[in-house]
Every structure is written in C-alpha cells, then in structure tokens.
C-alpha atoms as a PDB file:
ATOM      1  CA  MET A   1      -0.002  -0.103  -0.096  1.00  0.00           C
ATOM      2  CA  MET A   2       2.914   2.327   0.583  1.00  0.00           C
ATOM      3  CA  LYS A   3       3.811   2.323  -3.128  1.00  0.00           C
ATOM      4  CA  GLN A   4       0.456   3.805  -4.108  1.00  0.00           C
ATOM      5  CA  GLY A   5       1.490   7.442  -3.103  1.00  0.00           C
ATOM      6  CA  LEU A   6       4.579   9.536  -2.473  1.00  0.00           C
ATOM      7  CA  HIS A   7       7.288   8.010  -0.206  1.00  0.00           C
ATOM      8  CA  PRO A   8       7.405   9.468   3.378  1.00  0.00           C
ATOM      9  CA  LEU A   9      10.997  10.730   2.615  1.00  0.00           C
ATOM     10  CA  GLY A  10       9.714  12.542  -0.351  1.00  0.00           C
ATOM     11  CA  MET A  11       6.786  14.142   1.720  1.00  0.00           C
ATOM     12  CA  ILE A  12       9.611  15.223   4.224  1.00  0.00           C
ATOM     13  CA  GLY A  13      11.350  16.899   1.372  1.00  0.00           C
ATOM     14  CA  LEU A  14       8.370  18.689   0.370  1.00  0.00           C
ATOM     15  CA  VAL A  15       7.745  19.953   3.942  1.00  0.00           C
ATOM     16  CA  ILE A  16      11.220  21.261   4.098  1.00  0.00           C
ATOM     17  CA  ALA A  17      10.963  22.896   0.717  1.00  0.00           C
ATOM     18  CA  ALA A  18       7.913  24.608   1.829  1.00  0.00           C
ATOM     19  CA  THR A  19       9.346  25.886   4.875  1.00  0.00           C
ATOM     20  CA  LEU A  20      12.470  27.251   3.109  1.00  0.00           C
ATOM     21  CA  VAL A  21      10.000  29.010   0.508  1.00  0.00           C
ATOM     22  CA  GLY A  22       9.031  31.218   3.392  1.00  0.00           C
ATOM     23  CA  ARG A  23      12.205  33.077   3.463  1.00  0.00           C
ATOM     24  CA  VAL A  24      11.202  34.747   0.007  1.00  0.00           C
ATOM     25  CA  LEU A  25       7.509  35.141   0.510  1.00  0.00           C
ATOM     26  CA  PRO A  26       6.078  38.528   1.345  1.00  0.00           C
ATOM     27  CA  THR A  27       5.016  39.207   4.897  1.00  0.00           C
ATOM     28  CA  TRP A  28       1.327  39.228   4.225  1.00  0.00           C
ATOM     29  CA  THR A  29       1.583  35.894   2.509  1.00  0.00           C
ATOM     30  CA  LEU A  30       3.398  34.482   5.682  1.00  0.00           C
ATOM     31  CA  SER A  31       0.511  35.302   7.815  1.00  0.00           C
ATOM     32  CA  LEU A  32      -2.029  34.083   5.323  1.00  0.00           C
ATOM     33  CA  ALA A  33      -0.001  30.750   4.812  1.00  0.00           C
ATOM     34  CA  THR A  34       0.089  30.237   8.587  1.00  0.00           C
ATOM     35  CA  ILE A  35      -3.669  30.685   8.887  1.00  0.00           C
ATOM     36  CA  ALA A  36      -4.146  28.121   5.898  1.00  0.00           C
ATOM     37  CA  ALA A  37      -1.797  25.686   7.573  1.00  0.00           C
ATOM     38  CA  SER A  38      -3.543  25.929  10.849  1.00  0.00           C
ATOM     39  CA  ASN A  39      -7.143  25.417   9.147  1.00  0.00           C
ATOM     40  CA  ALA A  40      -5.620  22.585   7.088  1.00  0.00           C
ATOM     41  CA  LEU A  41      -4.304  20.650  10.201  1.00  0.00           C
ATOM     42  CA  ILE A  42      -7.873  20.701  11.831  1.00  0.00           C
ATOM     43  CA  ALA A  43      -9.498  19.906   8.400  1.00  0.00           C
ATOM     44  CA  LEU A  44      -7.296  16.955   8.160  1.00  0.00           C
ATOM     45  CA  GLY A  45      -8.609  15.539  11.419  1.00  0.00           C
ATOM     46  CA  ILE A  46     -12.122  15.936   9.968  1.00  0.00           C
ATOM     47  CA  VAL A  47     -10.909  14.114   6.918  1.00  0.00           C
ATOM     48  CA  VAL A  48      -9.534  11.223   9.071  1.00  0.00           C
ATOM     49  CA  LEU A  49     -12.905  11.089  10.955  1.00  0.00           C
ATOM     50  CA  ALA A  50     -14.902  11.237   7.646  1.00  0.00           C
ATOM     51  CA  ARG A  51     -13.221   7.906   6.539  1.00  0.00           C
ATOM     52  CA  THR A  52     -15.465   6.211   9.260  1.00  0.00           C
ATOM     53  CA  GLY A  53     -18.489   7.783   7.613  1.00  0.00           C
ATOM     54  CA  ASN A  54     -18.779  10.584  10.373  1.00  0.00           C
ATOM     55  CA  VAL A  55     -18.475  14.194  10.086  1.00  0.00           C
ATOM     56  CA  SER A  56     -17.873  16.410  13.035  1.00  0.00           C
ATOM     57  CA  PHE A  57     -19.600  19.874  12.885  1.00  0.00           C
ATOM     58  CA  GLY A  58     -18.132  20.840  16.213  1.00  0.00           C
ATOM     59  CA  GLN A  59     -14.330  20.604  15.980  1.00  0.00           C
ATOM     60  CA  GLY A  60     -14.507  24.181  17.329  1.00  0.00           C
ATOM     61  CA  LEU A  61     -14.837  22.421  20.731  1.00  0.00           C
ATOM     62  CA  PHE A  62     -11.362  20.951  20.423  1.00  0.00           C
ATOM     63  CA  PHE A  63      -9.934  23.980  18.598  1.00  0.00           C
ATOM     64  CA  ALA A  64     -11.258  26.203  21.584  1.00  0.00           C
ATOM     65  CA  ALA A  65      -9.962  23.751  24.233  1.00  0.00           C
ATOM     66  CA  GLY A  66      -6.451  23.655  22.745  1.00  0.00           C
ATOM     67  CA  GLY A  67      -6.474  27.579  22.463  1.00  0.00           C
ATOM     68  CA  TYR A  68      -7.736  28.199  25.999  1.00  0.00           C
ATOM     69  CA  GLY A  69      -5.531  25.326  27.589  1.00  0.00           C
ATOM     70  CA  VAL A  70      -2.421  26.904  26.015  1.00  0.00           C
ATOM     71  CA  ALA A  71      -3.458  30.522  27.093  1.00  0.00           C
ATOM     72  CA  LEU A  72      -4.178  29.435  30.598  1.00  0.00           C
ATOM     73  CA  ILE A  73      -1.067  27.378  31.099  1.00  0.00           C
ATOM     74  CA  ALA A  74       1.152  29.876  29.223  1.00  0.00           C
ATOM     75  CA  ASN A  75       0.015  32.785  31.469  1.00  0.00           C
ATOM     76  CA  ALA A  76       0.151  30.894  34.669  1.00  0.00           C
ATOM     77  CA  SER A  77       3.586  29.109  34.092  1.00  0.00           C
ATOM     78  CA  GLY A  78       5.144  31.736  31.601  1.00  0.00           C
ATOM     79  CA  ILE A  79       5.691  29.209  28.742  1.00  0.00           C
ATOM     80  CA  THR A  80       6.018  31.164  25.571  1.00  0.00           C
ATOM     81  CA  ASP A  81       7.902  28.456  23.288  1.00  0.00           C
ATOM     82  CA  ALA A  82       5.973  27.815  20.246  1.00  0.00           C
ATOM     83  CA  VAL A  83       6.638  24.050  19.971  1.00  0.00           C
ATOM     84  CA  ALA A  84       5.835  23.584  23.669  1.00  0.00           C
ATOM     85  CA  GLN A  85       2.466  25.582  23.099  1.00  0.00           C
ATOM     86  CA  VAL A  86       1.477  23.247  20.227  1.00  0.00           C
ATOM     87  CA  ILE A  87       2.129  20.294  22.336  1.00  0.00           C
ATOM     88  CA  ILE A  88      -0.044  21.585  25.034  1.00  0.00           C
ATOM     89  CA  GLY A  89      -2.773  22.383  22.635  1.00  0.00           C
ATOM     90  CA  ALA A  90      -2.515  18.985  21.108  1.00  0.00           C
ATOM     91  CA  VAL A  91      -2.632  17.311  24.652  1.00  0.00           C
ATOM     92  CA  CYS A  92      -5.688  19.242  25.611  1.00  0.00           C
ATOM     93  CA  GLY A  93      -7.501  18.484  22.496  1.00  0.00           C
ATOM     94  CA  GLY A  94      -6.567  14.870  22.887  1.00  0.00           C
ATOM     95  CA  VAL A  95      -7.710  14.413  26.511  1.00  0.00           C
ATOM     96  CA  LEU A  96     -10.959  15.981  25.691  1.00  0.00           C
ATOM     97  CA  GLY A  97     -11.358  13.624  22.809  1.00  0.00           C
ATOM     98  CA  LEU A  98     -10.710  10.724  24.839  1.00  0.00           C
ATOM     99  CA  VAL A  99     -13.467  11.728  27.260  1.00  0.00           C
ATOM    100  CA  ILE A 100     -15.983  12.435  24.551  1.00  0.00           C
ATOM    101  CA  GLY A 101     -15.049   9.942  21.901  1.00  0.00           C
ATOM    102  CA  PRO A 102     -16.258   6.656  23.538  1.00  0.00           C
ATOM    103  CA  LEU A 103     -19.627   8.210  24.353  1.00  0.00           C
ATOM    104  CA  ILE A 104     -20.111   9.755  21.018  1.00  0.00           C
ATOM    105  CA  SER A 105     -18.876   6.707  18.900  1.00  0.00           C
ATOM    106  CA  ARG A 106     -22.093   4.978  19.513  1.00  0.00           C
ATOM    107  CA  TYR A 107     -23.986   7.350  17.134  1.00  0.00           C
ATOM    108  CA  SER A 108     -23.325   7.937  13.384  1.00  0.00           C
ATOM    109  CA  GLY A 109     -24.661  10.099  10.469  1.00  0.00           C
ATOM    110  CA  ILE A 110     -26.588  13.257  11.300  1.00  0.00           C
ATOM    111  CA  PHE A 111     -26.869  12.259  14.926  1.00  0.00           C
ATOM    112  CA  PHE A 112     -23.121  12.214  15.262  1.00  0.00           C
ATOM    113  CA  GLY A 113     -22.764  15.612  13.689  1.00  0.00           C
ATOM    114  CA  MET A 114     -25.425  17.409  15.544  1.00  0.00           C
ATOM    115  CA  LEU A 115     -24.125  16.015  18.946  1.00  0.00           C
ATOM    116  CA  THR A 116     -20.688  17.510  18.254  1.00  0.00           C
ATOM    117  CA  LEU A 117     -22.175  20.650  17.251  1.00  0.00           C
ATOM    118  CA  ALA A 118     -24.180  20.843  20.349  1.00  0.00           C
ATOM    119  CA  LEU A 119     -21.206  20.152  22.583  1.00  0.00           C
ATOM    120  CA  SER A 120     -19.296  22.995  20.868  1.00  0.00           C
ATOM    121  CA  MET A 121     -22.054  25.414  21.515  1.00  0.00           C
ATOM    122  CA  VAL A 122     -22.355  24.250  25.084  1.00  0.00           C
ATOM    123  CA  LEU A 123     -18.545  25.117  25.479  1.00  0.00           C
ATOM    124  CA  TYR A 124     -19.230  28.479  23.596  1.00  0.00           C
ATOM    125  CA  GLY A 125     -22.087  29.428  26.165  1.00  0.00           C
ATOM    126  CA  ALA A 126     -19.987  28.403  29.133  1.00  0.00           C
ATOM    127  CA  LEU A 127     -16.980  30.562  27.737  1.00  0.00           C
ATOM    128  CA  VAL A 128     -19.198  33.538  27.135  1.00  0.00           C
ATOM    129  CA  LYS A 129     -20.624  33.448  30.722  1.00  0.00           C
ATOM    130  CA  SER A 130     -17.282  32.803  32.327  1.00  0.00           C
ATOM    131  CA  SER A 131     -15.804  36.161  33.694  1.00  0.00           C
ATOM    132  CA  ALA A 132     -12.572  34.266  34.828  1.00  0.00           C
ATOM    133  CA  LEU A 133     -11.859  33.559  31.086  1.00  0.00           C
ATOM    134  CA  GLY A 134     -12.569  36.955  29.908  1.00  0.00           C
ATOM    135  CA  GLY A 135     -16.243  36.483  28.970  1.00  0.00           C
ATOM    136  CA  SER A 136     -17.167  37.386  25.319  1.00  0.00           C
ATOM    137  CA  ASP A 137     -14.153  39.530  25.036  1.00  0.00           C
ATOM    138  CA  GLY A 138     -11.621  36.934  25.919  1.00  0.00           C
ATOM    139  CA  PHE A 139      -7.828  37.770  26.881  1.00  0.00           C
ATOM    140  CA  ASN A 140      -4.552  38.291  25.319  1.00  0.00           C
ATOM    141  CA  VAL A 141      -1.408  36.335  25.482  1.00  0.00           C
ATOM    142  CA  GLY A 142       2.267  37.294  25.047  1.00  0.00           C
ATOM    143  CA  ARG A 143       4.261  36.892  21.824  1.00  0.00           C
ATOM    144  CA  PRO A 144       5.686  33.363  21.344  1.00  0.00           C
ATOM    145  CA  SER A 145       9.311  32.362  21.272  1.00  0.00           C
ATOM    146  CA  LEU A 146      11.204  29.449  19.915  1.00  0.00           C
ATOM    147  CA  PHE A 147      13.746  27.493  21.969  1.00  0.00           C
ATOM    148  CA  GLY A 148      14.458  30.558  24.065  1.00  0.00           C
ATOM    149  CA  MET A 149      14.835  32.897  21.103  1.00  0.00           C
ATOM    150  CA  ILE A 150      12.693  36.003  21.179  1.00  0.00           C
ATOM    151  CA  PHE A 151      11.850  37.630  17.946  1.00  0.00           C
ATOM    152  CA  THR A 152      11.410  41.400  18.044  1.00  0.00           C
ATOM    153  CA  ASP A 153      11.443  41.796  14.150  1.00  0.00           C
ATOM    154  CA  PRO A 154       7.915  41.345  12.901  1.00  0.00           C
ATOM    155  CA  ARG A 155       9.170  39.781   9.718  1.00  0.00           C
ATOM    156  CA  GLU A 156      11.264  37.189  11.615  1.00  0.00           C
ATOM    157  CA  ALA A 157       8.452  36.477  14.289  1.00  0.00           C
ATOM    158  CA  ASP A 158       5.953  35.784  11.239  1.00  0.00           C
ATOM    159  CA  PHE A 159       8.486  33.515   9.470  1.00  0.00           C
ATOM    160  CA  MET A 160       9.129  31.510  12.830  1.00  0.00           C
ATOM    161  CA  LEU A 161       5.468  31.007  13.273  1.00  0.00           C
ATOM    162  CA  TYR A 162       5.020  30.065   9.531  1.00  0.00           C
ATOM    163  CA  ALA A 163       7.801  27.598   9.861  1.00  0.00           C
ATOM    164  CA  VAL A 164       6.537  25.982  12.912  1.00  0.00           C
ATOM    165  CA  SER A 165       2.985  25.728  11.474  1.00  0.00           C
ATOM    166  CA  VAL A 166       4.145  24.312   8.107  1.00  0.00           C
ATOM    167  CA  ILE A 167       6.508  21.676   9.842  1.00  0.00           C
ATOM    168  CA  THR A 168       4.031  20.514  12.300  1.00  0.00           C
ATOM    169  CA  THR A 169       1.201  20.398   9.680  1.00  0.00           C
ATOM    170  CA  GLY A 170       3.373  18.671   7.285  1.00  0.00           C
ATOM    171  CA  PHE A 171       4.362  15.962   9.596  1.00  0.00           C
ATOM    172  CA  ALA A 172       0.817  15.442  10.598  1.00  0.00           C
ATOM    173  CA  GLY A 173      -0.103  15.098   7.000  1.00  0.00           C
ATOM    174  CA  ILE A 174       2.763  12.375   6.704  1.00  0.00           C
ATOM    175  CA  ALA A 175       1.427  10.530   9.820  1.00  0.00           C
ATOM    176  CA  ALA A 176      -2.228  10.826   8.131  1.00  0.00           C
ATOM    177  CA  ALA A 177      -0.927   9.513   4.871  1.00  0.00           C
ATOM    178  CA  ILE A 178       0.735   6.522   6.631  1.00  0.00           C
ATOM    179  CA  LEU A 179      -2.491   6.082   8.587  1.00  0.00           C
ATOM    180  CA  PHE A 180      -4.666   5.813   5.498  1.00  0.00           C
ATOM    181  CA  ARG A 181      -2.557   3.188   3.906  1.00  0.00           C
ATOM    182  CA  SER A 182      -2.362   1.191   7.279  1.00  0.00           C
ATOM    183  CA  GLU A 183      -4.877  -1.405   8.584  1.00  0.00           C
ATOM    184  CA  LEU A 184      -6.581   1.030  10.705  1.00  0.00           C
ATOM    185  CA  GLY A 185      -7.112   3.292   7.765  1.00  0.00           C
ATOM    186  CA  LEU A 186      -8.382   0.506   5.618  1.00  0.00           C
ATOM    187  CA  VAL A 187     -10.485  -0.666   8.399  1.00  0.00           C
ATOM    188  CA  SER A 188     -12.060   2.880   8.716  1.00  0.00           C
ATOM    189  CA  LEU A 189     -13.190   2.738   5.201  1.00  0.00           C
ATOM    190  CA  ALA A 190     -14.908  -0.605   5.879  1.00  0.00           C
ATOM    191  CA  VAL A 191     -16.702   0.856   8.680  1.00  0.00           C
ATOM    192  CA  ARG A 192     -17.982   3.669   6.544  1.00  0.00           C
ATOM    193  CA  GLU A 193     -19.148   1.336   4.168  1.00  0.00           C
ATOM    194  CA  ASN A 194     -20.761  -1.382   6.475  1.00  0.00           C
ATOM    195  CA  ASN A 195     -19.928  -1.209  10.291  1.00  0.00           C
ATOM    196  CA  LEU A 196     -22.039  -4.348  10.956  1.00  0.00           C
ATOM    197  CA  ARG A 197     -20.005  -6.532   8.783  1.00  0.00           C
ATOM    198  CA  VAL A 198     -16.831  -5.150  10.588  1.00  0.00           C
ATOM    199  CA  GLU A 199     -18.320  -6.072  13.789  1.00  0.00           C
ATOM    200  CA  TYR A 200     -18.914  -9.763  12.419  1.00  0.00           C
ATOM    201  CA  LEU A 201     -15.091  -9.816  11.632  1.00  0.00           C
ATOM    202  CA  GLY A 202     -14.427  -9.355  15.422  1.00  0.00           C
ATOM    203  CA  ILE A 203     -13.485  -5.818  15.197  1.00  0.00           C
ATOM    204  CA  SER A 204     -15.172  -3.044  17.275  1.00  0.00           C
ATOM    205  CA  ALA A 205     -16.489  -0.311  14.999  1.00  0.00           C
ATOM    206  CA  ASN A 206     -17.010   2.042  17.891  1.00  0.00           C
ATOM    207  CA  ARG A 207     -13.327   1.591  18.851  1.00  0.00           C
ATOM    208  CA  ILE A 208     -12.322   2.382  15.296  1.00  0.00           C
ATOM    209  CA  VAL A 209     -14.432   5.553  15.220  1.00  0.00           C
ATOM    210  CA  THR A 210     -13.024   6.607  18.854  1.00  0.00           C
ATOM    211  CA  ILE A 211      -9.427   6.192  17.681  1.00  0.00           C
ATOM    212  CA  ASN A 212     -10.304   8.405  14.556  1.00  0.00           C
ATOM    213  CA  PHE A 213     -12.187  10.863  16.714  1.00  0.00           C
ATOM    214  CA  VAL A 214      -9.145  11.227  19.168  1.00  0.00           C
ATOM    215  CA  ILE A 215      -6.715  11.898  16.355  1.00  0.00           C
ATOM    216  CA  ALA A 216      -9.080  14.580  14.923  1.00  0.00           C
ATOM    217  CA  ALA A 217      -9.311  15.983  18.507  1.00  0.00           C
ATOM    218  CA  ILE A 218      -5.539  16.257  18.748  1.00  0.00           C
ATOM    219  CA  PHE A 219      -5.112  18.003  15.347  1.00  0.00           C
ATOM    220  CA  ALA A 220      -7.817  20.505  16.444  1.00  0.00           C
ATOM    221  CA  GLY A 221      -6.158  21.254  19.745  1.00  0.00           C
ATOM    222  CA  ALA A 222      -2.745  21.928  17.822  1.00  0.00           C
ATOM    223  CA  SER A 223      -4.611  24.119  15.482  1.00  0.00           C
ATOM    224  CA  GLY A 224      -6.101  25.935  18.290  1.00  0.00           C
ATOM    225  CA  ALA A 225      -2.558  26.648  19.625  1.00  0.00           C
ATOM    226  CA  PHE A 226      -1.468  28.091  16.238  1.00  0.00           C
ATOM    227  CA  ALA A 227      -4.424  30.335  15.998  1.00  0.00           C
ATOM    228  CA  LEU A 228      -3.738  31.598  19.402  1.00  0.00           C
ATOM    229  CA  MET A 229      -0.252  32.358  18.601  1.00  0.00           C
ATOM    230  CA  ALA A 230      -0.963  34.003  15.366  1.00  0.00           C
ATOM    231  CA  GLN A 231      -3.679  36.387  16.975  1.00  0.00           C
ATOM    232  CA  ARG A 232      -2.339  36.604  20.459  1.00  0.00           C
ATOM    233  CA  HIS A 233      -5.785  36.800  21.440  1.00  0.00           C
ATOM    234  CA  ILE A 234      -8.538  34.231  22.358  1.00  0.00           C
ATOM    235  CA  ASP A 235     -12.304  34.512  22.783  1.00  0.00           C
ATOM    236  CA  PRO A 236     -15.235  32.276  22.767  1.00  0.00           C
ATOM    237  CA  GLN A 237     -15.512  32.641  18.960  1.00  0.00           C
ATOM    238  CA  PHE A 238     -13.071  29.770  18.669  1.00  0.00           C
ATOM    239  CA  ALA A 239     -16.032  27.458  19.708  1.00  0.00           C
ATOM    240  CA  TYR A 240     -18.708  29.012  17.978  1.00  0.00           C
ATOM    241  CA  TRP A 241     -20.543  26.938  15.157  1.00  0.00           C
ATOM    242  CA  THR A 242     -19.513  29.219  12.238  1.00  0.00           C
ATOM    243  CA  THR A 243     -15.896  28.580  13.019  1.00  0.00           C
ATOM    244  CA  SER A 244     -16.418  24.661  12.912  1.00  0.00           C
ATOM    245  CA  GLY A 245     -18.223  25.286   9.764  1.00  0.00           C
ATOM    246  CA  GLU A 246     -15.240  26.861   7.992  1.00  0.00           C
ATOM    247  CA  PHE A 247     -13.050  23.785   8.822  1.00  0.00           C
ATOM    248  CA  VAL A 248     -15.837  21.509   7.455  1.00  0.00           C
ATOM    249  CA  PHE A 249     -15.875  23.632   4.126  1.00  0.00           C
ATOM    250  CA  VAL A 250     -12.033  22.835   3.829  1.00  0.00           C
ATOM    251  CA  ALA A 251     -12.560  19.144   4.356  1.00  0.00           C
ATOM    252  CA  VAL A 252     -15.389  19.086   1.983  1.00  0.00           C
ATOM    253  CA  LEU A 253     -13.431  21.016  -0.619  1.00  0.00           C
ATOM    254  CA  ALA A 254     -10.367  18.571  -0.431  1.00  0.00           C
ATOM    255  CA  GLY A 255     -12.312  15.275  -0.299  1.00  0.00           C
ATOM    256  CA  TYR A 256     -11.282  12.147   1.806  1.00  0.00           C
ATOM    257  CA  GLN A 257      -8.966  10.438  -0.982  1.00  0.00           C
ATOM    258  CA  SER A 258      -5.746  12.634  -0.657  1.00  0.00           C
ATOM    259  CA  VAL A 259      -3.845  14.309   2.203  1.00  0.00           C
ATOM    260  CA  ALA A 260      -2.213  16.933  -0.029  1.00  0.00           C
ATOM    261  CA  ALA A 261      -5.632  18.086  -1.096  1.00  0.00           C
ATOM    262  CA  VAL A 262      -6.329  19.261   2.285  1.00  0.00           C
ATOM    263  CA  PHE A 263      -3.432  21.738   2.218  1.00  0.00           C
ATOM    264  CA  VAL A 264      -4.364  22.858  -1.345  1.00  0.00           C
ATOM    265  CA  ALA A 265      -8.000  23.396  -0.421  1.00  0.00           C
ATOM    266  CA  SER A 266      -7.160  25.299   2.676  1.00  0.00           C
ATOM    267  CA  LEU A 267      -4.788  27.783   0.917  1.00  0.00           C
ATOM    268  CA  ALA A 268      -7.090  28.171  -1.942  1.00  0.00           C
ATOM    269  CA  LEU A 269     -10.020  28.986   0.395  1.00  0.00           C
ATOM    270  CA  GLU A 270      -7.806  31.643   2.102  1.00  0.00           C
ATOM    271  CA  LEU A 271      -6.632  33.185  -1.064  1.00  0.00           C
ATOM    272  CA  VAL A 272     -10.204  33.497  -2.395  1.00  0.00           C
ATOM    273  CA  ARG A 273     -11.335  34.930   0.819  1.00  0.00           C
ATOM    274  CA  SER A 274      -8.432  37.572   1.006  1.00  0.00           C
ATOM    275  CA  PHE A 275      -8.640  38.669  -2.532  1.00  0.00           C
ATOM    276  CA  SER A 276     -12.398  38.856  -2.577  1.00  0.00           C
ATOM    277  CA  ASN A 277     -12.477  40.822   0.734  1.00  0.00           C
ATOM    278  CA  LEU A 278      -9.901  43.001  -0.828  1.00  0.00           C
ATOM    279  CA  TYR A 279     -11.333  43.838  -4.153  1.00  0.00           C
ATOM    280  CA  LEU A 280     -15.064  43.103  -3.481  1.00  0.00           C
ATOM    281  CA  PRO A 281     -15.456  44.174   0.104  1.00  0.00           C
ATOM    282  CA  ASN A 282     -19.206  44.318  -0.145  1.00  0.00           C
ATOM    283  CA  THR A 283     -19.765  40.940  -1.884  1.00  0.00           C
ATOM    284  CA  TRP A 284     -16.889  38.904  -0.750  1.00  0.00           C
ATOM    285  CA  GLN A 285     -19.258  36.309   0.909  1.00  0.00           C
ATOM    286  CA  LEU A 286     -20.865  35.865  -2.539  1.00  0.00           C
ATOM    287  CA  VAL A 287     -17.713  35.183  -4.221  1.00  0.00           C
ATOM    288  CA  LEU A 288     -16.672  32.847  -1.560  1.00  0.00           C
ATOM    289  CA  GLY A 289     -20.013  31.027  -1.857  1.00  0.00           C
ATOM    290  CA  VAL A 290     -19.808  30.764  -5.552  1.00  0.00           C
ATOM    291  CA  PHE A 291     -16.303  29.283  -5.344  1.00  0.00           C
ATOM    292  CA  LEU A 292     -17.415  26.624  -3.024  1.00  0.00           C
ATOM    293  CA  LEU A 293     -20.600  25.792  -5.048  1.00  0.00           C
ATOM    294  CA  GLY A 294     -18.331  25.614  -8.197  1.00  0.00           C
ATOM    295  CA  VAL A 295     -15.840  23.128  -6.587  1.00  0.00           C
ATOM    296  CA  ILE A 296     -18.821  20.925  -5.086  1.00  0.00           C
ATOM    297  CA  LEU A 297     -20.591  20.983  -8.482  1.00  0.00           C
ATOM    298  CA  PHE A 298     -17.610  20.099 -10.841  1.00  0.00           C
ATOM    299  CA  LEU A 299     -15.518  18.280  -8.212  1.00  0.00           C
ATOM    300  CA  PRO A 300     -18.055  16.299  -5.990  1.00  0.00           C
ATOM    301  CA  ARG A 301     -15.431  14.045  -4.533  1.00  0.00           C
ATOM    302  CA  GLY A 302     -13.095  17.109  -3.684  1.00  0.00           C
ATOM    303  CA  ILE A 303     -10.015  18.779  -5.237  1.00  0.00           C
ATOM    304  CA  GLY A 304      -8.107  15.604  -4.406  1.00  0.00           C
ATOM    305  CA  SER A 305     -10.091  13.728  -7.059  1.00  0.00           C
ATOM    306  CA  LEU A 306      -8.034  15.899  -9.745  1.00  0.00           C
ATOM    307  CA  TRP A 307      -5.011  13.685  -9.297  1.00  0.00           C
ATOM    308  CA  THR A 308      -6.359  10.681  -7.706  1.00  0.00           C
ATOM    309  CA  ARG A 309      -8.601  10.062 -10.769  1.00  0.00           C
ATOM    310  CA  ASP A 310      -5.752  10.483 -13.113  1.00  0.00           C
ATOM    311  CA  ARG A 311      -3.779   7.931 -11.015  1.00  0.00           C
ATOM    312  CA  ARG A 312      -6.733   5.605 -11.241  1.00  0.00           C
ATOM    313  CA  LYS A 313      -7.016   5.983 -14.978  1.00  0.00           C
ATOM    314  CA  LYS A 314      -3.335   5.131 -15.390  1.00  0.00           C
ATOM    315  CA  LYS A 315      -3.610   2.076 -13.155  1.00  0.00           C
ATOM    316  CA  ASN A 316      -6.527   0.964 -15.321  1.00  0.00           C
ATOM    317  CA  SER A 317      -4.645   1.462 -18.547  1.00  0.00           C
ATOM    318  CA  THR A 318      -1.744  -0.798 -17.369  1.00  0.00           C
ATOM    319  CA  ALA A 319      -4.137  -3.800 -16.622  1.00  0.00           C
ATOM    320  CA  THR A 320      -3.624  -6.594 -19.081  1.00  0.00           C
ATOM    321  CA  PRO A 321      -6.536  -7.576 -21.509  1.00  0.00           C
ATOM    322  CA  ALA A 322      -7.170 -10.880 -19.761  1.00  0.00           C
ATOM    323  CA  SER A 323      -7.366  -9.180 -16.187  1.00  0.00           C
ATOM    324  CA  ALA A 324      -9.568  -6.523 -17.800  1.00  0.00           C
ATOM    325  CA  GLU A 325     -12.059  -9.087 -18.953  1.00  0.00           C
ATOM    326  CA  ARG A 326     -12.106 -10.514 -15.472  1.00  0.00           C
ATOM    327  CA  GLY A 327     -12.712  -7.045 -13.883  1.00  0.00           C
ATOM    328  CA  VAL A 328      -9.418  -7.269 -12.153  1.00  0.00           C
ATOM    329  CA  VAL A 329      -7.207  -4.311 -11.709  1.00  0.00           C
ATOM    330  CA  LEU A 330      -3.416  -4.895 -11.131  1.00  0.00           C
END
C-alpha cells in the first residue's frame, strides 16, 4: 500500500522545501499561509474522521480547548515556546477527545454531527458566561518564542510561526498518509461502508471511530494553539458553530482521498477569501459562496479527485486484457 503514493521521505522533502520558501514570501503571505496551515491541520482531522463515515460539525470544541488550554497554562507558568504551546494544545484536545470519543462513537450520521455541534455550542455558552476567562471579550497572550529565542522583528516572528506551523502540519499530513495506508485506515473505510460486517469480523467499529475521533481532536487542539499564537488573543468565537463550519468547508473541498488536497483546499480558500475581501469588500461572501458551489458541482469528490482520478486511470490502462476481462485491476 505504501507504493500507491509518495514515499514519506519525499513528503519530508516537500515539507522542508515549503518551509524554506517562506524566506522569500511577502510578509502578508506568511500570515495567510500560517492561517491556511492551521486550518488545514484541523480539516485534516475532519478528513480522518470522515473516513469512518462520520463528520464532526463541532471541531471548534477542541479548537477552543487547545487555544484556551495553551493560554491558561502559558499565562500561569510563563511558557512562551511555540513548540511547547503546540504540544500543550494537542494534549488538551486529545484528552477532551478521549473523554467524549467513547460516548459519541455509539452514534453515526446526522446524530453524530449534531451532537458534536451541540457540545461545541455548550462550551461556547460556558466561555461567554465565564468572567474568569474574559467572557465574550476573551483575553490576550504574549508573543511566542522558539527555543528561548525572542523575535522582536515582526518579519522574523511571522516566519518563525510560519515555519513551525508548516512543519507541524506537514508531519501531521505524513502521519495521516501513513495512517490511510495502514490496517486502521483500511478498516476505517470498511466501517464507513458497513460497520455491521466489521463487527462480524471481530473488530469493534466503535473503537475504530473513537481512535479516529481522538486523532481529529489532537489535530484540532494543535490548530487552536497556532490560531492563538497568530492572533495573540483568544475569545469564545473559537468554539462558535461558524468557526467549525469553515473547517468542514475545507474538508469538503479537499475530499477524503488525498492528504495533499487538504493543504491545497485550505490555501485556496484563504486566497479566495483574502482577495475577494480586498477587491469586493461588499460582496466577498458571495464570491466565496460561488467558489465553494463551483468546486462541489464540478468536483463532487473534492479537489483531491483531480490527481487521484488520473492515477486511477493510469492504473486501469496498465491492466492486461485478460485481467480487464475478468474485472481485475492490477
């Protein structure tokens, strides 16, 4: 299965190249790319979960848990290191996912999605009413550092955050690609098709959904840490349903067939949003909506189908006539 896609060493090379490219990018592009990488990370978790046939409409729950967890721990202990904050955010999201996952994995379909949305809105309501956490205004945090180095130059600070976000998201993508080709990834697809048959094979479908759910929660918590560091401010909007909806948009645009498509979809969405907001400030929502509808209409399986479809055609063309007659694809 590892031969069906790019080798992990090649993926690492792409991550390093993308990081070095940041040195020549304009400052505004660094900020946009950081946001795109952060959104891609949480959307990647949604794609991991979607392979089991479930879609979470409340990933803002873990997004906010990671952000608030980092903010509280950083303010209390003085931790400003970017890598440490990402780890804290991932742990906060993962712990919350471990608590909720076994309970919510019993449901599927629209019930699963609505439960995650409801839990996210419950957290949003609690954060708005909590004066200790700043209420609806939230609170600020300090500028992040890296391994003890403090960046006073805004350009260097933006590049540092860009580099950390790209490397973290890139390695998360490599892990997801390996996961998709593993036994767990293949069983996840089987759960999506028919979870009852999976149970007959002696595999717990609920356990598979829980594992994927926790992975998605870890990615969302780390993404919340990046959003906090980029904005240096956190508020209950992190847990609001519209925030979760944006992440689902990215996952829908990407599709579940390709990891690279998640990054492409996230960057494309941010570019369309930024340029439409710049040149069409009064109708940028309309432009964004038309873009989303266009992709869904012409690429119903997501942006990733552009190259996965070509690869499938090449594989079919290499099949021998005898195997083609029997319906076998080599």
